[in-house]
Amino acid sequence: MAKWEYATAPVLVHATKQILDNWGEDGWELVQIVPSPANPENVVAYFKREKAEGRRKNGSRKWARPYPRWPLR
């Protein structure tokens, strides 16, 4: 059975595609986007990716960054 890891991230509405593309390049799949509880004009994205063998408990690998590059490329 597959094991998953999850992440949440705020998404700037003026750069949505760029932000989602960055997460996708790092192996994250978008699960859902919802309005931010703090400010409904902003949105929060929920991502998942399958845990890979050799990944540490916190999701990082020795040779790869655990989360997408920030700020945007």
N, C-alpha and C. Protein backbone atom coordinates (compact mmCIF):
# COMPACT_ATOMS: atom_id res chain seq x y z
N MET A 1 0.83 -1.17 0.00
CA MET A 1 0.00 0.00 0.00
C MET A 1 0.89 1.24 0.00
N ALA A 2 0.53 2.21 -0.79
CA ALA A 2 1.30 3.45 -0.89
C ALA A 2 1.17 4.27 0.39
N LYS A 3 2.25 4.95 0.75
CA LYS A 3 2.23 5.89 1.88
C LYS A 3 2.42 7.27 1.30
N TRP A 4 1.72 8.23 1.86
CA TRP A 4 1.70 9.59 1.32
C TRP A 4 2.21 10.59 2.33
N GLU A 5 2.74 11.67 1.82
CA GLU A 5 3.05 12.83 2.64
C GLU A 5 2.27 14.00 2.09
N TYR A 6 1.95 14.95 2.95
CA TYR A 6 1.06 16.05 2.57
C TYR A 6 1.71 17.39 2.91
N ALA A 7 1.29 18.42 2.18
CA ALA A 7 1.77 19.78 2.43
C ALA A 7 0.65 20.76 2.12
N THR A 8 0.67 21.88 2.80
CA THR A 8 -0.25 22.98 2.49
C THR A 8 0.58 24.22 2.18
N ALA A 9 0.04 25.07 1.33
CA ALA A 9 0.76 26.28 0.97
C ALA A 9 -0.22 27.37 0.56
N PRO A 10 0.05 28.62 0.97
CA PRO A 10 -0.77 29.72 0.46
C PRO A 10 -0.45 29.93 -1.01
N VAL A 11 -1.45 30.30 -1.79
CA VAL A 11 -1.25 30.52 -3.22
C VAL A 11 -1.66 31.95 -3.55
N LEU A 12 -0.74 32.70 -4.10
CA LEU A 12 -1.04 34.07 -4.52
C LEU A 12 -1.86 34.02 -5.80
N VAL A 13 -3.00 34.66 -5.81
CA VAL A 13 -3.89 34.53 -6.96
C VAL A 13 -3.30 35.13 -8.23
N HIS A 14 -2.37 36.05 -8.10
CA HIS A 14 -1.77 36.64 -9.31
C HIS A 14 -0.64 35.78 -9.88
N ALA A 15 -0.26 34.69 -9.17
CA ALA A 15 0.82 33.83 -9.66
C ALA A 15 0.45 32.35 -9.49
N THR A 16 -0.82 32.04 -9.59
CA THR A 16 -1.31 30.68 -9.32
C THR A 16 -0.61 29.64 -10.17
N LYS A 17 -0.57 29.82 -11.48
CA LYS A 17 0.02 28.82 -12.37
C LYS A 17 1.49 28.59 -12.05
N GLN A 18 2.21 29.64 -11.83
CA GLN A 18 3.64 29.54 -11.55
C GLN A 18 3.89 28.77 -10.24
N ILE A 19 3.10 29.07 -9.22
CA ILE A 19 3.25 28.40 -7.93
C ILE A 19 2.92 26.91 -8.07
N LEU A 20 1.80 26.60 -8.72
CA LEU A 20 1.40 25.20 -8.87
C LEU A 20 2.39 24.43 -9.74
N ASP A 21 2.92 25.06 -10.77
CA ASP A 21 3.94 24.42 -11.61
C ASP A 21 5.19 24.08 -10.79
N ASN A 22 5.61 24.98 -9.91
CA ASN A 22 6.79 24.72 -9.07
C ASN A 22 6.57 23.51 -8.17
N TRP A 23 5.42 23.44 -7.55
CA TRP A 23 5.13 22.29 -6.70
C TRP A 23 5.08 21.01 -7.54
N GLY A 24 4.47 21.07 -8.71
CA GLY A 24 4.37 19.90 -9.58
C GLY A 24 5.72 19.40 -10.03
N GLU A 25 6.64 20.31 -10.34
CA GLU A 25 7.99 19.92 -10.76
C GLU A 25 8.71 19.16 -9.65
N ASP A 26 8.34 19.41 -8.41
CA ASP A 26 8.98 18.74 -7.29
C ASP A 26 8.21 17.50 -6.85
N GLY A 27 7.27 17.06 -7.69
CA GLY A 27 6.60 15.79 -7.43
C GLY A 27 5.32 15.86 -6.62
N TRP A 28 4.85 17.07 -6.32
CA TRP A 28 3.64 17.23 -5.53
C TRP A 28 2.43 17.29 -6.46
N GLU A 29 1.35 16.59 -6.05
CA GLU A 29 0.09 16.59 -6.79
C GLU A 29 -0.91 17.47 -6.03
N LEU A 30 -1.57 18.36 -6.75
CA LEU A 30 -2.59 19.21 -6.15
C LEU A 30 -3.80 18.37 -5.80
N VAL A 31 -4.26 18.48 -4.55
CA VAL A 31 -5.44 17.75 -4.10
C VAL A 31 -6.65 18.67 -4.10
N GLN A 32 -6.47 19.88 -3.57
CA GLN A 32 -7.60 20.80 -3.45
C GLN A 32 -7.09 22.22 -3.20
N ILE A 33 -7.88 23.19 -3.65
CA ILE A 33 -7.64 24.59 -3.32
C ILE A 33 -8.90 25.10 -2.64
N VAL A 34 -8.72 25.77 -1.49
CA VAL A 34 -9.85 26.30 -0.73
C VAL A 34 -9.56 27.74 -0.33
N PRO A 35 -10.61 28.52 -0.06
CA PRO A 35 -10.38 29.89 0.44
C PRO A 35 -9.64 29.84 1.78
N SER A 36 -8.77 30.80 1.98
CA SER A 36 -8.02 30.89 3.22
C SER A 36 -8.97 31.24 4.38
N PRO A 37 -8.83 30.58 5.52
CA PRO A 37 -9.68 30.92 6.65
C PRO A 37 -9.43 32.34 7.16
N ALA A 38 -8.19 32.80 7.02
CA ALA A 38 -7.84 34.14 7.51
C ALA A 38 -8.32 35.24 6.57
N ASN A 39 -8.31 34.96 5.28
CA ASN A 39 -8.70 35.97 4.30
C ASN A 39 -9.29 35.26 3.08
N PRO A 40 -10.60 35.29 2.91
CA PRO A 40 -11.24 34.57 1.80
C PRO A 40 -10.80 35.01 0.40
N GLU A 41 -10.12 36.15 0.30
CA GLU A 41 -9.62 36.60 -1.00
C GLU A 41 -8.38 35.82 -1.41
N ASN A 42 -7.73 35.15 -0.47
CA ASN A 42 -6.56 34.32 -0.74
C ASN A 42 -6.99 32.86 -0.72
N VAL A 43 -6.16 32.00 -1.28
CA VAL A 43 -6.47 30.57 -1.29
C VAL A 43 -5.31 29.76 -0.70
N VAL A 44 -5.65 28.57 -0.23
CA VAL A 44 -4.67 27.64 0.31
C VAL A 44 -4.74 26.37 -0.52
N ALA A 45 -3.58 25.86 -0.91
CA ALA A 45 -3.52 24.63 -1.71
C ALA A 45 -3.06 23.48 -0.83
N TYR A 46 -3.66 22.33 -1.06
CA TYR A 46 -3.29 21.09 -0.38
C TYR A 46 -2.67 20.16 -1.42
N PHE A 47 -1.48 19.66 -1.10
CA PHE A 47 -0.73 18.80 -2.02
C PHE A 47 -0.44 17.46 -1.36
N LYS A 48 -0.17 16.45 -2.20
CA LYS A 48 0.30 15.17 -1.70
C LYS A 48 1.31 14.61 -2.69
N ARG A 49 2.18 13.74 -2.18
CA ARG A 49 3.07 12.97 -3.04
C ARG A 49 3.38 11.67 -2.30
N GLU A 50 3.65 10.65 -3.08
CA GLU A 50 3.96 9.35 -2.50
C GLU A 50 5.30 9.42 -1.82
N LYS A 51 5.36 8.84 -0.63
CA LYS A 51 6.65 8.78 0.08
C LYS A 51 7.58 7.87 -0.69
N ALA A 52 8.76 8.37 -0.95
CA ALA A 52 9.74 7.58 -1.69
C ALA A 52 10.67 6.88 -0.71
N GLU A 53 11.18 5.74 -1.11
CA GLU A 53 12.14 5.04 -0.29
C GLU A 53 13.38 5.92 -0.15
N GLY A 54 13.93 5.96 1.02
CA GLY A 54 15.11 6.78 1.25
C GLY A 54 14.79 8.19 1.71
N ARG A 55 13.52 8.54 1.75
CA ARG A 55 13.15 9.87 2.22
C ARG A 55 13.11 9.84 3.75
N ARG A 56 13.57 10.88 4.36
CA ARG A 56 13.57 10.96 5.82
C ARG A 56 12.16 11.13 6.35
N LYS A 57 11.98 10.98 7.65
CA LYS A 57 10.66 11.11 8.25
C LYS A 57 10.06 12.50 8.01
N ASN A 58 10.90 13.54 7.95
CA ASN A 58 10.38 14.89 7.75
C ASN A 58 10.13 15.20 6.27
N GLY A 59 10.31 14.21 5.39
CA GLY A 59 10.01 14.40 3.98
C GLY A 59 11.19 14.79 3.12
N SER A 60 12.33 15.10 3.75
CA SER A 60 13.47 15.57 2.96
C SER A 60 14.36 14.40 2.54
N ARG A 61 15.15 14.66 1.54
CA ARG A 61 16.18 13.72 1.10
C ARG A 61 17.51 14.41 1.26
N LYS A 62 18.54 13.63 1.36
CA LYS A 62 19.87 14.22 1.49
C LYS A 62 20.23 15.01 0.24
N TRP A 63 19.77 14.56 -0.92
CA TRP A 63 20.21 15.14 -2.18
C TRP A 63 19.16 16.04 -2.83
N ALA A 64 17.99 16.19 -2.21
CA ALA A 64 16.94 17.00 -2.84
C ALA A 64 16.28 17.87 -1.78
N ARG A 65 15.78 19.01 -2.20
CA ARG A 65 15.08 19.87 -1.26
C ARG A 65 13.69 19.29 -1.00
N PRO A 66 13.18 19.41 0.24
CA PRO A 66 11.91 18.78 0.57
C PRO A 66 10.71 19.51 0.00
N TYR A 67 10.82 20.80 -0.27
CA TYR A 67 9.69 21.57 -0.77
C TYR A 67 10.15 22.41 -1.96
N PRO A 68 9.23 22.87 -2.75
CA PRO A 68 9.59 23.64 -3.95
C PRO A 68 10.39 24.91 -3.62
N ARG A 69 11.07 25.38 -4.63
CA ARG A 69 11.84 26.60 -4.49
C ARG A 69 10.91 27.77 -4.14
N TRP A 70 11.38 28.61 -3.25
CA TRP A 70 10.62 29.82 -2.93
C TRP A 70 11.62 30.89 -2.68
N PRO A 71 11.54 32.06 -3.19
CA PRO A 71 10.46 32.58 -4.03
C PRO A 71 10.45 31.93 -5.40
N LEU A 72 9.46 32.29 -6.16
CA LEU A 72 9.27 31.69 -7.48
C LEU A 72 10.47 31.95 -8.37
N ARG A 73 10.67 31.02 -9.29
CA ARG A 73 11.80 31.17 -10.24
C ARG A 73 11.56 32.31 -11.17
